[in-house]
Amino acid sequence: NIHVVIVSPKFSGKRLSEKTDLILSELQ
């Protein structure tokens, strides 16, 4: 298995659920 960590200004001001949705939408 793998772990993904992203550091991005695009996460500024976003809630945890919004951040997760952004990542998962790409991983789909």
PDB file of all heavy atoms in Angstrom:
ATOM      1  N   ASN A   1       0.833  -1.192   0.000  1.00  0.00           N
ATOM      2  CA  ASN A   1       0.000   0.000   0.000  1.00  0.00           C
ATOM      3  C   ASN A   1       0.872   1.247   0.000  1.00  0.00           C
ATOM      4  O   ASN A   1       2.044   1.203   0.347  1.00  0.00           O
ATOM      5  CB  ASN A   1      -0.929   0.026   1.209  1.00  0.00           C
ATOM      6  CG  ASN A   1      -2.144  -0.849   1.019  1.00  0.00           C
ATOM      7  OD1 ASN A   1      -2.267  -1.566   0.024  1.00  0.00           O
ATOM      8  ND2 ASN A   1      -3.037  -0.813   1.970  1.00  0.00           N
ATOM      9  N   ILE A   2       0.258   2.368  -0.380  1.00  0.00           N
ATOM     10  CA  ILE A   2       0.995   3.630  -0.436  1.00  0.00           C
ATOM     11  C   ILE A   2       0.243   4.732   0.299  1.00  0.00           C
ATOM     12  O   ILE A   2      -0.971   4.658   0.508  1.00  0.00           O
ATOM     13  CB  ILE A   2       1.273   4.069  -1.894  1.00  0.00           C
ATOM     14  CG1 ILE A   2      -0.024   4.256  -2.675  1.00  0.00           C
ATOM     15  CG2 ILE A   2       2.183   3.092  -2.592  1.00  0.00           C
ATOM     16  CD1 ILE A   2       0.187   4.846  -4.050  1.00  0.00           C
ATOM     17  N   HIS A   3       1.013   5.731   0.687  1.00  0.00           N
ATOM     18  CA  HIS A   3       0.477   6.936   1.317  1.00  0.00           C
ATOM     19  C   HIS A   3       0.781   8.128   0.418  1.00  0.00           C
ATOM     20  O   HIS A   3       1.848   8.186  -0.190  1.00  0.00           O
ATOM     21  CB  HIS A   3       1.115   7.169   2.678  1.00  0.00           C
ATOM     22  CG  HIS A   3       0.760   6.140   3.690  1.00  0.00           C
ATOM     23  ND1 HIS A   3       1.367   6.075   4.915  1.00  0.00           N
ATOM     24  CD2 HIS A   3      -0.140   5.122   3.680  1.00  0.00           C
ATOM     25  CE1 HIS A   3       0.856   5.092   5.610  1.00  0.00           C
ATOM     26  NE2 HIS A   3      -0.057   4.484   4.881  1.00  0.00           N
ATOM     27  N   VAL A   4      -0.157   9.064   0.354  1.00  0.00           N
ATOM     28  CA  VAL A   4      -0.010  10.268  -0.461  1.00  0.00           C
ATOM     29  C   VAL A   4      -0.118  11.484   0.452  1.00  0.00           C
ATOM     30  O   VAL A   4      -1.072  11.592   1.236  1.00  0.00           O
ATOM     31  CB  VAL A   4      -1.109  10.330  -1.547  1.00  0.00           C
ATOM     32  CG1 VAL A   4      -1.044  11.640  -2.309  1.00  0.00           C
ATOM     33  CG2 VAL A   4      -1.020   9.147  -2.488  1.00  0.00           C
ATOM     34  N   VAL A   5       0.866  12.368   0.346  1.00  0.00           N
ATOM     35  CA  VAL A   5       0.835  13.634   1.086  1.00  0.00           C
ATOM     36  C   VAL A   5       1.028  14.754   0.072  1.00  0.00           C
ATOM     37  O   VAL A   5       1.962  14.716  -0.730  1.00  0.00           O
ATOM     38  CB  VAL A   5       1.937  13.700   2.163  1.00  0.00           C
ATOM     39  CG1 VAL A   5       1.917  15.060   2.855  1.00  0.00           C
ATOM     40  CG2 VAL A   5       1.768  12.578   3.179  1.00  0.00           C
ATOM     41  N   ILE A   6       0.122  15.729   0.115  1.00  0.00           N
ATOM     42  CA  ILE A   6       0.192  16.866  -0.807  1.00  0.00           C
ATOM     43  C   ILE A   6       0.220  18.150   0.010  1.00  0.00           C
ATOM     44  O   ILE A   6      -0.613  18.354   0.892  1.00  0.00           O
ATOM     45  CB  ILE A   6      -1.010  16.884  -1.764  1.00  0.00           C
ATOM     46  CG1 ILE A   6      -1.074  15.587  -2.562  1.00  0.00           C
ATOM     47  CG2 ILE A   6      -0.939  18.100  -2.697  1.00  0.00           C
ATOM     48  CD1 ILE A   6      -2.345  15.411  -3.366  1.00  0.00           C
ATOM     49  N   VAL A   7       1.193  18.987  -0.294  1.00  0.00           N
ATOM     50  CA  VAL A   7       1.261  20.327   0.296  1.00  0.00           C
ATOM     51  C   VAL A   7       0.992  21.299  -0.848  1.00  0.00           C
ATOM     52  O   VAL A   7       1.701  21.317  -1.849  1.00  0.00           O
ATOM     53  CB  VAL A   7       2.640  20.607   0.929  1.00  0.00           C
ATOM     54  CG1 VAL A   7       2.679  22.015   1.498  1.00  0.00           C
ATOM     55  CG2 VAL A   7       2.972  19.577   1.992  1.00  0.00           C
ATOM     56  N   SER A   8      -0.084  22.069  -0.706  1.00  0.00           N
ATOM     57  CA  SER A   8      -0.487  22.964  -1.785  1.00  0.00           C
ATOM     58  C   SER A   8      -1.216  24.187  -1.242  1.00  0.00           C
ATOM     59  O   SER A   8      -2.059  24.062  -0.346  1.00  0.00           O
ATOM     60  CB  SER A   8      -1.419  22.216  -2.749  1.00  0.00           C
ATOM     61  OG  SER A   8      -1.957  23.105  -3.714  1.00  0.00           O
ATOM     62  N   PRO A   9      -0.934  25.351  -1.826  1.00  0.00           N
ATOM     63  CA  PRO A   9      -1.696  26.547  -1.464  1.00  0.00           C
ATOM     64  C   PRO A   9      -3.178  26.399  -1.797  1.00  0.00           C
ATOM     65  O   PRO A   9      -4.017  27.101  -1.248  1.00  0.00           O
ATOM     66  CB  PRO A   9      -1.063  27.657  -2.302  1.00  0.00           C
ATOM     67  CG  PRO A   9       0.243  27.138  -2.775  1.00  0.00           C
ATOM     68  CD  PRO A   9       0.133  25.645  -2.777  1.00  0.00           C
ATOM     69  N   LYS A  10      -3.505  25.466  -2.668  1.00  0.00           N
ATOM     70  CA  LYS A  10      -4.905  25.252  -3.056  1.00  0.00           C
ATOM     71  C   LYS A  10      -5.754  24.750  -1.887  1.00  0.00           C
ATOM     72  O   LYS A  10      -6.976  24.796  -1.951  1.00  0.00           O
ATOM     73  CB  LYS A  10      -4.975  24.256  -4.218  1.00  0.00           C
ATOM     74  CG  LYS A  10      -4.337  24.801  -5.475  1.00  0.00           C
ATOM     75  CD  LYS A  10      -4.227  23.745  -6.536  1.00  0.00           C
ATOM     76  CE  LYS A  10      -3.522  24.360  -7.740  1.00  0.00           C
ATOM     77  NZ  LYS A  10      -2.936  23.375  -8.607  1.00  0.00           N
ATOM     78  N   PHE A  11      -5.108  24.274  -0.825  1.00  0.00           N
ATOM     79  CA  PHE A  11      -5.837  23.793   0.346  1.00  0.00           C
ATOM     80  C   PHE A  11      -6.128  24.902   1.354  1.00  0.00           C
ATOM     81  O   PHE A  11      -6.841  24.676   2.319  1.00  0.00           O
ATOM     82  CB  PHE A  11      -5.055  22.675   1.041  1.00  0.00           C
ATOM     83  CG  PHE A  11      -4.959  21.401   0.247  1.00  0.00           C
ATOM     84  CD1 PHE A  11      -3.728  20.804   0.031  1.00  0.00           C
ATOM     85  CD2 PHE A  11      -6.081  20.790  -0.273  1.00  0.00           C
ATOM     86  CE1 PHE A  11      -3.626  19.618  -0.679  1.00  0.00           C
ATOM     87  CE2 PHE A  11      -5.992  19.614  -0.996  1.00  0.00           C
ATOM     88  CZ  PHE A  11      -4.767  19.030  -1.196  1.00  0.00           C
ATOM     89  N   SER A  12      -5.581  26.082   1.138  1.00  0.00           N
ATOM     90  CA  SER A  12      -5.767  27.195   2.077  1.00  0.00           C
ATOM     91  C   SER A  12      -7.252  27.506   2.246  1.00  0.00           C
ATOM     92  O   SER A  12      -7.985  27.660   1.266  1.00  0.00           O
ATOM     93  CB  SER A  12      -5.030  28.438   1.599  1.00  0.00           C
ATOM     94  OG  SER A  12      -3.652  28.224   1.599  1.00  0.00           O
ATOM     95  N   GLY A  13      -7.679  27.583   3.498  1.00  0.00           N
ATOM     96  CA  GLY A  13      -9.058  27.935   3.813  1.00  0.00           C
ATOM     97  C   GLY A  13     -10.068  26.827   3.599  1.00  0.00           C
ATOM     98  O   GLY A  13     -11.256  27.040   3.793  1.00  0.00           O
ATOM     99  N   LYS A  14      -9.623  25.639   3.223  1.00  0.00           N
ATOM    100  CA  LYS A  14     -10.539  24.527   2.965  1.00  0.00           C
ATOM    101  C   LYS A  14     -10.658  23.638   4.204  1.00  0.00           C
ATOM    102  O   LYS A  14      -9.716  23.481   4.968  1.00  0.00           O
ATOM    103  CB  LYS A  14     -10.061  23.709   1.777  1.00  0.00           C
ATOM    104  CG  LYS A  14      -9.990  24.506   0.479  1.00  0.00           C
ATOM    105  CD  LYS A  14     -10.390  23.649  -0.685  1.00  0.00           C
ATOM    106  CE  LYS A  14     -10.364  24.327  -2.022  1.00  0.00           C
ATOM    107  NZ  LYS A  14     -10.647  25.702  -2.126  1.00  0.00           N
ATOM    108  N   ARG A  15     -11.843  23.069   4.369  1.00  0.00           N
ATOM    109  CA  ARG A  15     -12.070  22.099   5.442  1.00  0.00           C
ATOM    110  C   ARG A  15     -11.472  20.761   5.043  1.00  0.00           C
ATOM    111  O   ARG A  15     -11.197  20.511   3.870  1.00  0.00           O
ATOM    112  CB  ARG A  15     -13.567  21.951   5.698  1.00  0.00           C
ATOM    113  CG  ARG A  15     -14.208  23.222   6.232  1.00  0.00           C
ATOM    114  CD  ARG A  15     -15.660  22.965   6.566  1.00  0.00           C
ATOM    115  NE  ARG A  15     -16.332  22.296   5.450  1.00  0.00           N
ATOM    116  CZ  ARG A  15     -17.387  22.752   4.802  1.00  0.00           C
ATOM    117  NH1 ARG A  15     -17.904  23.903   5.147  1.00  0.00           N
ATOM    118  NH2 ARG A  15     -17.928  22.076   3.824  1.00  0.00           N
ATOM    119  N   LEU A  16     -11.303  19.891   6.017  1.00  0.00           N
ATOM    120  CA  LEU A  16     -10.730  18.565   5.786  1.00  0.00           C
ATOM    121  C   LEU A  16     -11.497  17.803   4.710  1.00  0.00           C
ATOM    122  O   LEU A  16     -10.896  17.202   3.817  1.00  0.00           O
ATOM    123  CB  LEU A  16     -10.695  17.762   7.088  1.00  0.00           C
ATOM    124  CG  LEU A  16     -10.155  16.341   6.978  1.00  0.00           C
ATOM    125  CD1 LEU A  16      -8.723  16.331   6.492  1.00  0.00           C
ATOM    126  CD2 LEU A  16     -10.273  15.636   8.325  1.00  0.00           C
ATOM    127  N   SER A  17     -12.813  17.852   4.762  1.00  0.00           N
ATOM    128  CA  SER A  17     -13.616  17.129   3.767  1.00  0.00           C
ATOM    129  C   SER A  17     -13.398  17.672   2.358  1.00  0.00           C
ATOM    130  O   SER A  17     -13.368  16.906   1.387  1.00  0.00           O
ATOM    131  CB  SER A  17     -15.102  17.177   4.126  1.00  0.00           C
ATOM    132  OG  SER A  17     -15.572  18.515   4.134  1.00  0.00           O
ATOM    133  N   GLU A  18     -13.214  18.978   2.235  1.00  0.00           N
ATOM    134  CA  GLU A  18     -12.959  19.570   0.921  1.00  0.00           C
ATOM    135  C   GLU A  18     -11.592  19.151   0.384  1.00  0.00           C
ATOM    136  O   GLU A  18     -11.443  18.861  -0.806  1.00  0.00           O
ATOM    137  CB  GLU A  18     -13.040  21.094   1.003  1.00  0.00           C
ATOM    138  CG  GLU A  18     -14.424  21.609   1.326  1.00  0.00           C
ATOM    139  CD  GLU A  18     -14.440  23.097   1.607  1.00  0.00           C
ATOM    140  OE1 GLU A  18     -13.640  23.565   2.439  1.00  0.00           O
ATOM    141  OE2 GLU A  18     -15.257  23.794   0.967  1.00  0.00           O
ATOM    142  N   LYS A  19     -10.608  19.108   1.266  1.00  0.00           N
ATOM    143  CA  LYS A  19      -9.269  18.673   0.863  1.00  0.00           C
ATOM    144  C   LYS A  19      -9.297  17.225   0.397  1.00  0.00           C
ATOM    145  O   LYS A  19      -8.717  16.879  -0.639  1.00  0.00           O
ATOM    146  CB  LYS A  19      -8.288  18.823   2.023  1.00  0.00           C
ATOM    147  CG  LYS A  19      -8.055  20.236   2.467  1.00  0.00           C
ATOM    148  CD  LYS A  19      -7.188  20.217   3.697  1.00  0.00           C
ATOM    149  CE  LYS A  19      -7.116  21.561   4.350  1.00  0.00           C
ATOM    150  NZ  LYS A  19      -6.289  21.526   5.558  1.00  0.00           N
ATOM    151  N   THR A  20      -9.971  16.402   1.179  1.00  0.00           N
ATOM    152  CA  THR A  20     -10.079  14.982   0.830  1.00  0.00           C
ATOM    153  C   THR A  20     -10.768  14.816  -0.515  1.00  0.00           C
ATOM    154  O   THR A  20     -10.324  14.024  -1.351  1.00  0.00           O
ATOM    155  CB  THR A  20     -10.843  14.224   1.932  1.00  0.00           C
ATOM    156  OG1 THR A  20     -10.139  14.385   3.169  1.00  0.00           O
ATOM    157  CG2 THR A  20     -10.966  12.752   1.614  1.00  0.00           C
ATOM    158  N   ASP A  21     -11.842  15.548  -0.737  1.00  0.00           N
ATOM    159  CA  ASP A  21     -12.570  15.467  -2.014  1.00  0.00           C
ATOM    160  C   ASP A  21     -11.682  15.855  -3.192  1.00  0.00           C
ATOM    161  O   ASP A  21     -11.741  15.225  -4.251  1.00  0.00           O
ATOM    162  CB  ASP A  21     -13.818  16.348  -1.992  1.00  0.00           C
ATOM    163  CG  ASP A  21     -14.924  15.795  -1.109  1.00  0.00           C
ATOM    164  OD1 ASP A  21     -14.845  14.616  -0.710  1.00  0.00           O
ATOM    165  OD2 ASP A  21     -15.866  16.551  -0.802  1.00  0.00           O
ATOM    166  N   LEU A  22     -10.855  16.890  -3.024  1.00  0.00           N
ATOM    167  CA  LEU A  22      -9.953  17.306  -4.110  1.00  0.00           C
ATOM    168  C   LEU A  22      -8.973  16.193  -4.463  1.00  0.00           C
ATOM    169  O   LEU A  22      -8.747  15.898  -5.643  1.00  0.00           O
ATOM    170  CB  LEU A  22      -9.180  18.562  -3.705  1.00  0.00           C
ATOM    171  CG  LEU A  22      -9.940  19.874  -3.713  1.00  0.00           C
ATOM    172  CD1 LEU A  22      -9.090  20.985  -3.112  1.00  0.00           C
ATOM    173  CD2 LEU A  22     -10.356  20.243  -5.128  1.00  0.00           C
ATOM    174  N   ILE A  23      -8.392  15.578  -3.445  1.00  0.00           N
ATOM    175  CA  ILE A  23      -7.422  14.511  -3.688  1.00  0.00           C
ATOM    176  C   ILE A  23      -8.108  13.294  -4.306  1.00  0.00           C
ATOM    177  O   ILE A  23      -7.639  12.740  -5.306  1.00  0.00           O
ATOM    178  CB  ILE A  23      -6.696  14.131  -2.385  1.00  0.00           C
ATOM    179  CG1 ILE A  23      -5.866  15.309  -1.872  1.00  0.00           C
ATOM    180  CG2 ILE A  23      -5.811  12.902  -2.603  1.00  0.00           C
ATOM    181  CD1 ILE A  23      -5.336  15.137  -0.464  1.00  0.00           C
ATOM    182  N   LEU A  24      -9.213  12.879  -3.730  1.00  0.00           N
ATOM    183  CA  LEU A  24      -9.894  11.679  -4.216  1.00  0.00           C
ATOM    184  C   LEU A  24     -10.433  11.852  -5.632  1.00  0.00           C
ATOM    185  O   LEU A  24     -10.445  10.897  -6.414  1.00  0.00           O
ATOM    186  CB  LEU A  24     -11.013  11.273  -3.258  1.00  0.00           C
ATOM    187  CG  LEU A  24     -10.555  10.874  -1.857  1.00  0.00           C
ATOM    188  CD1 LEU A  24     -11.742  10.453  -1.007  1.00  0.00           C
ATOM    189  CD2 LEU A  24      -9.511   9.777  -1.901  1.00  0.00           C
ATOM    190  N   SER A  25     -10.844  13.065  -5.977  1.00  0.00           N
ATOM    191  CA  SER A  25     -11.336  13.286  -7.338  1.00  0.00           C
ATOM    192  C   SER A  25     -10.229  13.062  -8.359  1.00  0.00           C
ATOM    193  O   SER A  25     -10.483  12.589  -9.474  1.00  0.00           O
ATOM    194  CB  SER A  25     -11.950  14.673  -7.487  1.00  0.00           C
ATOM    195  OG  SER A  25     -10.964  15.675  -7.377  1.00  0.00           O
ATOM    196  N   GLU A  26      -8.998  13.365  -7.990  1.00  0.00           N
ATOM    197  CA  GLU A  26      -7.860  13.108  -8.878  1.00  0.00           C
ATOM    198  C   GLU A  26      -7.507  11.620  -8.895  1.00  0.00           C
ATOM    199  O   GLU A  26      -7.226  11.049  -9.954  1.00  0.00           O
ATOM    200  CB  GLU A  26      -6.647  13.933  -8.444  1.00  0.00           C
ATOM    201  CG  GLU A  26      -6.793  15.407  -8.689  1.00  0.00           C
ATOM    202  CD  GLU A  26      -6.932  15.739 -10.165  1.00  0.00           C
ATOM    203  OE1 GLU A  26      -6.003  15.431 -10.926  1.00  0.00           O
ATOM    204  OE2 GLU A  26      -7.969  16.314 -10.548  1.00  0.00           O
ATOM    205  N   LEU A  27      -7.528  10.990  -7.734  1.00  0.00           N
ATOM    206  CA  LEU A  27      -7.155   9.579  -7.651  1.00  0.00           C
ATOM    207  C   LEU A  27      -8.167   8.657  -8.328  1.00  0.00           C
ATOM    208  O   LEU A  27      -7.840   7.514  -8.639  1.00  0.00           O
ATOM    209  CB  LEU A  27      -6.947   9.172  -6.193  1.00  0.00           C
ATOM    210  CG  LEU A  27      -5.746   9.806  -5.497  1.00  0.00           C
ATOM    211  CD1 LEU A  27      -5.696   9.375  -4.035  1.00  0.00           C
ATOM    212  CD2 LEU A  27      -4.446   9.467  -6.206  1.00  0.00           C
ATOM    213  N   GLN A  28      -9.364   9.136  -8.567  1.00  0.00           N
ATOM    214  CA  GLN A  28     -10.381   8.333  -9.259  1.00  0.00           C
ATOM    215  C   GLN A  28      -9.955   7.980 -10.679  1.00  0.00           C
ATOM    216  O   GLN A  28     -10.530   7.093 -11.292  1.00  0.00           O
ATOM    217  CB  GLN A  28     -11.724   9.060  -9.284  1.00  0.00           C
ATOM    218  CG  GLN A  28     -12.415   9.050  -7.956  1.00  0.00           C
ATOM    219  CD  GLN A  28     -13.726   9.810  -7.992  1.00  0.00           C
ATOM    220  OE1 GLN A  28     -14.017  10.549  -8.926  1.00  0.00           O
ATOM    221  NE2 GLN A  28     -14.511   9.654  -6.956  1.00  0.00           N
TER     222      GLN A  28
END
